[in-house]
């Protein structure tokens, strides 16, 4: 397969910001014929450049009144325990993100909840009762901002 070029990276940037951009508009913005642009996007898709296409939904519409990051320290760090915790965490409906990290905590888990009571019950039922958890530390999220597009670190 051919390497990605500047046009491919431009298409990736545009689609990250709005995956619903019509092909004609994409083609116009990157300076290609619509048929060529469609072929480029299909090639990127076949190559696995896209992990999926998503709609961001206002959390409040879904009953989310509170978000928190839960730092988790395990008692054991064997591959089996680490993988089992990851599977356990992502199986919980309140969990929207799991990061295996270095430092004082082994995992950061992003959870969404109705309120503080829900957070307390969730922490007790989902984490502190799990066999290999040494400790948890919870930080409530006051605000959250993120980029819609990842930077292209291939260019200087």
N, C-alpha and C. Protein backbone atom coordinates (compact mmCIF):
# COMPACT_ATOMS: atom_id res chain seq x y z
N UNK A 1 0.83 -1.19 0.00
CA UNK A 1 0.00 0.00 0.00
C UNK A 1 0.88 1.25 0.00
N UNK A 2 0.36 2.27 -0.62
CA UNK A 2 1.14 3.50 -0.70
C UNK A 2 1.13 4.23 0.64
N UNK A 3 2.15 5.04 0.85
CA UNK A 3 2.23 5.87 2.06
C UNK A 3 1.19 6.98 1.98
N UNK A 4 0.80 7.47 3.14
CA UNK A 4 -0.13 8.60 3.17
C UNK A 4 0.60 9.87 2.75
N UNK A 5 -0.08 10.71 2.00
CA UNK A 5 0.51 11.98 1.59
C UNK A 5 -0.27 13.14 2.23
N UNK A 6 0.12 14.33 1.88
CA UNK A 6 -0.48 15.53 2.46
C UNK A 6 -2.00 15.57 2.26
N UNK A 7 -2.47 15.17 1.09
CA UNK A 7 -3.90 15.17 0.81
C UNK A 7 -4.62 14.19 1.73
N UNK A 8 -4.04 12.99 1.95
CA UNK A 8 -4.64 12.03 2.87
C UNK A 8 -4.75 12.62 4.27
N UNK A 9 -3.68 13.26 4.73
CA UNK A 9 -3.72 13.86 6.07
C UNK A 9 -4.73 14.99 6.14
N UNK A 10 -4.87 15.76 5.06
CA UNK A 10 -5.89 16.82 5.02
C UNK A 10 -7.30 16.21 5.10
N UNK A 11 -7.53 15.13 4.39
CA UNK A 11 -8.82 14.46 4.45
C UNK A 11 -9.10 13.93 5.85
N UNK A 12 -8.09 13.34 6.49
CA UNK A 12 -8.26 12.85 7.86
C UNK A 12 -8.63 13.98 8.80
N UNK A 13 -7.96 15.12 8.66
CA UNK A 13 -8.25 16.26 9.53
C UNK A 13 -9.68 16.76 9.32
N UNK A 14 -10.09 16.88 8.08
CA UNK A 14 -11.44 17.35 7.79
C UNK A 14 -12.49 16.39 8.33
N UNK A 15 -12.28 15.10 8.14
CA UNK A 15 -13.27 14.12 8.58
C UNK A 15 -13.30 13.97 10.10
N UNK A 16 -12.17 14.21 10.76
CA UNK A 16 -12.19 14.18 12.23
C UNK A 16 -13.04 15.31 12.78
N UNK A 17 -13.03 16.44 12.13
CA UNK A 17 -13.82 17.58 12.61
C UNK A 17 -15.29 17.44 12.27
N UNK A 18 -15.60 16.77 11.15
CA UNK A 18 -17.00 16.55 10.79
C UNK A 18 -17.07 15.37 9.83
N UNK A 19 -17.36 14.20 10.36
CA UNK A 19 -17.41 12.98 9.55
C UNK A 19 -18.56 12.98 8.56
N UNK A 20 -19.47 13.93 8.70
CA UNK A 20 -20.62 14.01 7.80
C UNK A 20 -20.40 14.98 6.64
N UNK A 21 -19.19 15.48 6.48
CA UNK A 21 -18.89 16.39 5.38
C UNK A 21 -19.13 15.66 4.06
N UNK A 22 -19.96 16.22 3.19
CA UNK A 22 -20.23 15.56 1.90
C UNK A 22 -18.96 15.45 1.06
N UNK A 23 -18.90 14.40 0.25
CA UNK A 23 -17.73 14.15 -0.59
C UNK A 23 -17.40 15.34 -1.49
N UNK A 24 -18.42 15.98 -2.07
CA UNK A 24 -18.16 17.13 -2.94
C UNK A 24 -17.45 18.25 -2.18
N UNK A 25 -17.85 18.47 -0.93
CA UNK A 25 -17.21 19.51 -0.11
C UNK A 25 -15.79 19.10 0.24
N UNK A 26 -15.59 17.84 0.61
CA UNK A 26 -14.22 17.36 0.89
C UNK A 26 -13.33 17.58 -0.33
N UNK A 27 -13.84 17.18 -1.49
CA UNK A 27 -13.07 17.30 -2.73
C UNK A 27 -12.70 18.76 -3.00
N UNK A 28 -13.66 19.64 -2.83
CA UNK A 28 -13.41 21.07 -3.06
C UNK A 28 -12.32 21.58 -2.12
N UNK A 29 -12.40 21.18 -0.84
CA UNK A 29 -11.48 21.72 0.17
C UNK A 29 -10.06 21.18 0.02
N UNK A 30 -9.89 20.00 -0.56
CA UNK A 30 -8.53 19.47 -0.75
C UNK A 30 -8.06 19.57 -2.19
N UNK A 31 -8.91 20.10 -3.08
CA UNK A 31 -8.50 20.34 -4.46
C UNK A 31 -8.47 19.09 -5.33
N UNK A 32 -9.43 18.20 -5.14
CA UNK A 32 -9.50 16.98 -5.95
C UNK A 32 -10.85 16.91 -6.67
N UNK A 33 -10.89 16.09 -7.70
CA UNK A 33 -12.17 15.76 -8.33
C UNK A 33 -12.95 14.89 -7.34
N UNK A 34 -14.28 15.01 -7.31
CA UNK A 34 -15.06 14.20 -6.37
C UNK A 34 -14.80 12.70 -6.46
N UNK A 35 -14.64 12.17 -7.67
CA UNK A 35 -14.40 10.73 -7.81
C UNK A 35 -13.04 10.34 -7.22
N UNK A 36 -12.04 11.18 -7.43
CA UNK A 36 -10.71 10.91 -6.87
C UNK A 36 -10.75 11.01 -5.35
N UNK A 37 -11.47 11.99 -4.84
CA UNK A 37 -11.60 12.17 -3.39
C UNK A 37 -12.28 10.96 -2.76
N UNK A 38 -13.35 10.48 -3.38
CA UNK A 38 -14.05 9.32 -2.86
C UNK A 38 -13.13 8.10 -2.83
N UNK A 39 -12.32 7.94 -3.86
CA UNK A 39 -11.35 6.85 -3.89
C UNK A 39 -10.33 6.96 -2.78
N UNK A 40 -9.87 8.18 -2.51
CA UNK A 40 -8.91 8.41 -1.42
C UNK A 40 -9.52 8.04 -0.07
N UNK A 41 -10.75 8.48 0.17
CA UNK A 41 -11.41 8.19 1.44
C UNK A 41 -11.63 6.68 1.58
N UNK A 42 -12.03 6.03 0.52
CA UNK A 42 -12.20 4.57 0.58
C UNK A 42 -10.88 3.87 0.87
N UNK A 43 -9.80 4.35 0.28
CA UNK A 43 -8.47 3.77 0.53
C UNK A 43 -8.09 3.94 2.00
N UNK A 44 -8.35 5.12 2.55
CA UNK A 44 -8.07 5.35 3.97
C UNK A 44 -8.88 4.40 4.84
N UNK A 45 -10.14 4.20 4.46
CA UNK A 45 -11.00 3.29 5.23
C UNK A 45 -10.49 1.85 5.14
N UNK A 46 -10.14 1.40 3.94
CA UNK A 46 -9.62 0.04 3.75
C UNK A 46 -8.31 -0.16 4.51
N UNK A 47 -7.54 0.87 4.61
CA UNK A 47 -6.24 0.82 5.29
C UNK A 47 -6.39 0.80 6.81
N UNK A 48 -7.59 1.08 7.31
CA UNK A 48 -7.83 1.08 8.75
C UNK A 48 -7.54 2.40 9.42
N UNK A 49 -7.51 3.49 8.65
CA UNK A 49 -7.21 4.80 9.23
C UNK A 49 -8.33 5.30 10.14
N UNK A 50 -9.55 4.79 9.94
CA UNK A 50 -10.69 5.22 10.75
C UNK A 50 -11.03 4.12 11.75
N UNK A 51 -11.17 4.50 13.00
CA UNK A 51 -11.59 3.55 14.03
C UNK A 51 -13.11 3.53 14.17
N UNK A 52 -13.77 4.48 13.57
CA UNK A 52 -15.22 4.55 13.61
C UNK A 52 -15.67 5.97 13.38
N UNK A 53 -16.95 6.14 13.26
CA UNK A 53 -17.55 7.46 13.09
C UNK A 53 -18.58 7.62 14.20
N UNK A 54 -18.54 8.77 14.89
CA UNK A 54 -19.33 8.93 16.10
C UNK A 54 -20.07 10.27 16.11
N UNK A 55 -21.14 10.27 16.86
CA UNK A 55 -21.86 11.51 17.13
C UNK A 55 -21.64 11.86 18.60
N UNK A 56 -21.24 13.08 18.90
CA UNK A 56 -21.11 13.50 20.30
C UNK A 56 -22.48 13.94 20.79
N UNK A 57 -22.89 13.38 21.91
CA UNK A 57 -24.21 13.65 22.47
C UNK A 57 -24.02 14.42 23.78
N UNK A 58 -24.88 15.39 24.04
CA UNK A 58 -24.85 16.12 25.30
C UNK A 58 -25.12 15.13 26.43
N UNK A 59 -24.18 14.96 27.37
CA UNK A 59 -24.35 13.97 28.45
C UNK A 59 -25.62 14.16 29.27
N UNK A 60 -26.04 15.41 29.43
CA UNK A 60 -27.24 15.67 30.24
C UNK A 60 -28.48 15.03 29.64
N UNK A 61 -28.53 14.93 28.31
CA UNK A 61 -29.66 14.29 27.64
C UNK A 61 -29.78 12.83 28.08
N UNK A 62 -28.65 12.22 28.43
CA UNK A 62 -28.62 10.82 28.82
C UNK A 62 -28.70 10.62 30.33
N UNK A 63 -28.96 11.70 31.08
CA UNK A 63 -29.09 11.60 32.53
C UNK A 63 -27.78 11.70 33.29
N UNK A 64 -26.71 12.09 32.61
CA UNK A 64 -25.41 12.22 33.26
C UNK A 64 -25.35 13.58 33.96
N UNK A 65 -25.25 13.54 35.28
CA UNK A 65 -25.15 14.77 36.06
C UNK A 65 -23.76 14.96 36.66
N UNK A 66 -22.93 13.91 36.57
CA UNK A 66 -21.62 13.93 37.21
C UNK A 66 -20.67 13.04 36.44
N UNK A 67 -19.45 13.53 36.26
CA UNK A 67 -18.38 12.72 35.68
C UNK A 67 -17.25 12.69 36.69
N UNK A 68 -16.51 11.58 36.69
CA UNK A 68 -15.38 11.45 37.61
C UNK A 68 -14.28 10.63 36.97
N UNK A 69 -13.06 10.86 37.44
CA UNK A 69 -11.93 10.02 37.08
C UNK A 69 -11.57 9.24 38.34
N UNK A 70 -11.53 7.93 38.20
CA UNK A 70 -11.22 7.07 39.34
C UNK A 70 -9.83 6.49 39.11
N UNK A 71 -8.90 6.85 40.01
CA UNK A 71 -7.57 6.26 39.96
C UNK A 71 -7.60 4.95 40.71
N UNK A 72 -7.11 3.90 40.09
CA UNK A 72 -7.16 2.57 40.69
C UNK A 72 -5.75 2.01 40.82
N UNK A 73 -5.42 1.53 42.02
CA UNK A 73 -4.15 0.84 42.24
C UNK A 73 -4.46 -0.62 42.53
N UNK A 74 -3.79 -1.51 41.82
CA UNK A 74 -3.99 -2.94 41.99
C UNK A 74 -3.04 -3.52 43.02
N UNK A 75 -3.41 -4.66 43.59
CA UNK A 75 -2.54 -5.34 44.56
C UNK A 75 -1.49 -6.17 43.85
N UNK A 76 -1.81 -6.65 42.63
CA UNK A 76 -0.90 -7.45 41.83
C UNK A 76 -0.83 -6.85 40.44
N UNK A 77 0.32 -7.02 39.78
CA UNK A 77 0.50 -6.43 38.46
C UNK A 77 0.82 -7.49 37.41
N UNK A 78 0.27 -8.67 37.59
CA UNK A 78 0.47 -9.70 36.58
C UNK A 78 -0.40 -9.39 35.38
N UNK A 79 -0.02 -9.92 34.24
CA UNK A 79 -0.79 -9.69 33.02
C UNK A 79 -2.25 -10.12 33.20
N UNK A 80 -2.45 -11.27 33.85
CA UNK A 80 -3.81 -11.78 34.05
C UNK A 80 -4.67 -10.80 34.87
N UNK A 81 -4.10 -10.26 35.95
CA UNK A 81 -4.85 -9.33 36.80
C UNK A 81 -5.12 -8.03 36.06
N UNK A 82 -4.13 -7.49 35.37
CA UNK A 82 -4.30 -6.24 34.62
C UNK A 82 -5.37 -6.41 33.55
N UNK A 83 -5.29 -7.48 32.77
CA UNK A 83 -6.28 -7.71 31.72
C UNK A 83 -7.68 -7.97 32.29
N UNK A 84 -7.74 -8.69 33.41
CA UNK A 84 -9.03 -8.95 34.04
C UNK A 84 -9.67 -7.65 34.54
N UNK A 85 -8.85 -6.76 35.11
CA UNK A 85 -9.41 -5.49 35.57
C UNK A 85 -9.92 -4.68 34.39
N UNK A 86 -9.14 -4.61 33.31
CA UNK A 86 -9.58 -3.86 32.14
C UNK A 86 -10.91 -4.40 31.63
N UNK A 87 -11.04 -5.71 31.53
CA UNK A 87 -12.29 -6.30 31.07
C UNK A 87 -13.43 -5.99 32.04
N UNK A 88 -13.14 -6.08 33.33
CA UNK A 88 -14.16 -5.76 34.34
C UNK A 88 -14.61 -4.31 34.19
N UNK A 89 -13.65 -3.40 34.09
CA UNK A 89 -13.99 -1.98 34.02
C UNK A 89 -14.83 -1.66 32.78
N UNK A 90 -14.41 -2.13 31.62
CA UNK A 90 -15.17 -1.78 30.40
C UNK A 90 -16.53 -2.47 30.35
N UNK A 91 -16.75 -3.48 31.17
CA UNK A 91 -18.06 -4.13 31.19
C UNK A 91 -19.10 -3.33 31.98
N UNK A 92 -18.65 -2.33 32.75
CA UNK A 92 -19.55 -1.53 33.58
C UNK A 92 -20.16 -0.41 32.74
N UNK A 93 -21.48 -0.28 32.77
CA UNK A 93 -22.13 0.70 31.89
C UNK A 93 -21.74 2.13 32.20
N UNK A 94 -21.34 2.43 33.42
CA UNK A 94 -20.96 3.81 33.78
C UNK A 94 -19.57 4.18 33.28
N UNK A 95 -18.78 3.23 32.86
CA UNK A 95 -17.41 3.48 32.42
C UNK A 95 -17.39 3.85 30.95
N UNK A 96 -16.80 5.01 30.64
CA UNK A 96 -16.70 5.46 29.25
C UNK A 96 -15.26 5.51 28.76
N UNK A 97 -14.29 5.30 29.64
CA UNK A 97 -12.90 5.28 29.23
C UNK A 97 -12.03 4.62 30.29
N UNK A 98 -11.03 3.87 29.83
CA UNK A 98 -10.10 3.21 30.75
C UNK A 98 -8.69 3.41 30.19
N UNK A 99 -7.80 3.94 31.02
CA UNK A 99 -6.40 4.13 30.64
C UNK A 99 -5.52 3.34 31.60
N UNK A 100 -4.66 2.49 31.09
CA UNK A 100 -3.64 1.81 31.87
C UNK A 100 -2.44 2.74 31.86
N UNK A 101 -2.03 3.22 33.04
CA UNK A 101 -1.04 4.30 33.11
C UNK A 101 0.12 3.93 34.04
N UNK A 102 1.15 4.75 33.99
CA UNK A 102 2.26 4.61 34.92
C UNK A 102 2.05 5.59 36.07
N UNK A 103 2.81 5.42 37.14
CA UNK A 103 2.72 6.35 38.27
C UNK A 103 2.10 5.70 39.49
N UNK A 104 1.55 6.52 40.35
CA UNK A 104 1.00 6.03 41.62
C UNK A 104 -0.24 5.18 41.43
N UNK A 105 -0.94 5.37 40.35
CA UNK A 105 -2.14 4.59 40.04
C UNK A 105 -1.85 3.71 38.83
N UNK A 106 -2.52 2.58 38.76
CA UNK A 106 -2.35 1.68 37.62
C UNK A 106 -3.33 1.98 36.50
N UNK A 107 -4.49 2.51 36.87
CA UNK A 107 -5.53 2.83 35.90
C UNK A 107 -6.18 4.15 36.24
N UNK A 108 -6.61 4.85 35.20
CA UNK A 108 -7.54 5.96 35.34
C UNK A 108 -8.80 5.54 34.60
N UNK A 109 -9.91 5.63 35.29
CA UNK A 109 -11.18 5.19 34.74
C UNK A 109 -12.14 6.38 34.72
N UNK A 110 -12.64 6.71 33.53
CA UNK A 110 -13.58 7.81 33.36
C UNK A 110 -14.99 7.23 33.50
N UNK A 111 -15.72 7.74 34.49
CA UNK A 111 -17.07 7.25 34.74
C UNK A 111 -18.08 8.39 34.64
N UNK A 112 -19.30 8.03 34.24
CA UNK A 112 -20.40 8.99 34.17
C UNK A 112 -21.52 8.47 35.05
N UNK A 113 -22.10 9.40 35.83
CA UNK A 113 -23.08 9.00 36.84
C UNK A 113 -24.19 10.03 36.95
N UNK A 114 -25.27 9.65 37.62
CA UNK A 114 -26.38 10.59 37.82
C UNK A 114 -26.00 11.69 38.81
N UNK A 115 -25.39 11.27 39.96
CA UNK A 115 -25.13 12.22 41.04
C UNK A 115 -24.10 11.62 42.00
N UNK A 116 -23.84 12.33 43.10
CA UNK A 116 -22.83 11.89 44.07
C UNK A 116 -23.21 10.57 44.74
N UNK A 117 -24.47 10.35 45.01
CA UNK A 117 -24.90 9.07 45.59
C UNK A 117 -24.61 7.92 44.65
N UNK A 118 -24.88 8.14 43.38
CA UNK A 118 -24.58 7.12 42.36
C UNK A 118 -23.07 6.85 42.33
N UNK A 119 -22.25 7.89 42.43
CA UNK A 119 -20.79 7.73 42.45
C UNK A 119 -20.36 6.88 43.65
N UNK A 120 -20.89 7.20 44.82
CA UNK A 120 -20.53 6.45 46.03
C UNK A 120 -20.90 4.97 45.87
N UNK A 121 -22.13 4.71 45.46
CA UNK A 121 -22.58 3.33 45.31
C UNK A 121 -21.77 2.60 44.24
N UNK A 122 -21.51 3.28 43.15
CA UNK A 122 -20.73 2.68 42.06
C UNK A 122 -19.33 2.31 42.54
N UNK A 123 -18.66 3.23 43.21
CA UNK A 123 -17.30 2.96 43.70
C UNK A 123 -17.28 1.76 44.64
N UNK A 124 -18.24 1.70 45.53
CA UNK A 124 -18.30 0.60 46.50
C UNK A 124 -18.62 -0.74 45.81
N UNK A 125 -19.59 -0.73 44.92
CA UNK A 125 -20.03 -1.98 44.30
C UNK A 125 -19.11 -2.44 43.17
N UNK A 126 -18.64 -1.52 42.37
CA UNK A 126 -17.90 -1.91 41.17
C UNK A 126 -16.40 -2.03 41.39
N UNK A 127 -15.85 -1.27 42.33
CA UNK A 127 -14.40 -1.26 42.47
C UNK A 127 -13.90 -1.81 43.80
N UNK A 128 -14.36 -1.26 44.90
CA UNK A 128 -13.76 -1.67 46.18
C UNK A 128 -14.06 -3.12 46.52
N UNK A 129 -15.07 -3.70 45.91
CA UNK A 129 -15.39 -5.11 46.17
C UNK A 129 -14.61 -6.06 45.24
N UNK A 130 -13.90 -5.51 44.27
CA UNK A 130 -13.17 -6.35 43.32
C UNK A 130 -11.89 -6.87 43.97
N UNK A 131 -11.56 -8.12 43.77
CA UNK A 131 -10.52 -8.83 44.52
C UNK A 131 -9.13 -8.17 44.53
N UNK A 132 -8.66 -7.67 43.41
CA UNK A 132 -7.27 -7.21 43.34
C UNK A 132 -7.10 -5.70 43.37
N UNK A 133 -8.06 -4.98 43.95
CA UNK A 133 -7.91 -3.53 44.05
C UNK A 133 -7.35 -3.19 45.42
N UNK A 134 -6.22 -2.48 45.40
CA UNK A 134 -5.59 -2.04 46.63
C UNK A 134 -6.25 -0.77 47.14
N UNK A 135 -6.45 0.20 46.22
CA UNK A 135 -7.08 1.46 46.62
C UNK A 135 -7.64 2.17 45.39
N UNK A 136 -8.56 3.09 45.66
CA UNK A 136 -9.08 3.95 44.60
C UNK A 136 -9.03 5.40 45.09
N UNK A 137 -8.91 6.29 44.15
CA UNK A 137 -8.95 7.73 44.45
C UNK A 137 -9.83 8.37 43.38
N UNK A 138 -10.86 9.06 43.83
CA UNK A 138 -11.84 9.61 42.90
C UNK A 138 -11.71 11.12 42.81
N UNK A 139 -11.71 11.62 41.58
CA UNK A 139 -11.70 13.06 41.32
C UNK A 139 -12.91 13.40 40.47
N UNK A 140 -13.76 14.29 40.97
CA UNK A 140 -14.91 14.72 40.19
C UNK A 140 -14.44 15.65 39.08
N UNK A 141 -15.08 15.55 37.94
CA UNK A 141 -14.76 16.39 36.78
C UNK A 141 -15.68 17.61 36.82
N UNK A 142 -15.08 18.80 36.92
CA UNK A 142 -15.87 20.03 36.91
C UNK A 142 -16.16 20.50 35.49
N UNK A 143 -15.18 20.34 34.61
CA UNK A 143 -15.40 20.66 33.19
C UNK A 143 -14.47 19.79 32.36
N UNK A 144 -14.81 19.69 31.10
CA UNK A 144 -14.08 18.80 30.22
C UNK A 144 -14.03 19.43 28.83
N UNK A 145 -12.86 19.48 28.27
CA UNK A 145 -12.68 20.00 26.92
C UNK A 145 -11.73 19.07 26.18
N UNK A 146 -12.00 18.84 24.92
CA UNK A 146 -11.06 18.06 24.13
C UNK A 146 -11.12 18.49 22.67
N UNK A 147 -10.06 18.19 21.97
CA UNK A 147 -10.02 18.48 20.54
C UNK A 147 -10.84 17.43 19.80
N UNK A 148 -11.44 17.84 18.71
CA UNK A 148 -12.14 16.86 17.89
C UNK A 148 -11.16 16.13 16.98
N UNK A 149 -10.03 16.75 16.67
CA UNK A 149 -9.07 16.15 15.75
C UNK A 149 -7.72 15.95 16.42
N UNK A 150 -7.11 14.81 16.16
CA UNK A 150 -5.75 14.55 16.64
C UNK A 150 -4.77 15.32 15.76
N UNK A 151 -3.67 15.80 16.34
CA UNK A 151 -2.67 16.50 15.51
C UNK A 151 -1.90 15.50 14.66
N UNK A 152 -1.46 15.92 13.51
CA UNK A 152 -0.63 15.10 12.65
C UNK A 152 0.82 15.31 13.07
N UNK A 153 1.38 14.37 13.79
CA UNK A 153 2.75 14.48 14.28
C UNK A 153 3.78 14.01 13.27
N UNK A 154 3.32 13.62 12.07
CA UNK A 154 4.23 13.23 10.99
C UNK A 154 4.84 14.43 10.30
N UNK A 155 4.22 15.60 10.48
CA UNK A 155 4.75 16.80 9.85
C UNK A 155 5.45 17.64 10.89
N UNK A 156 6.40 18.43 10.46
CA UNK A 156 7.17 19.24 11.43
C UNK A 156 6.55 20.57 11.69
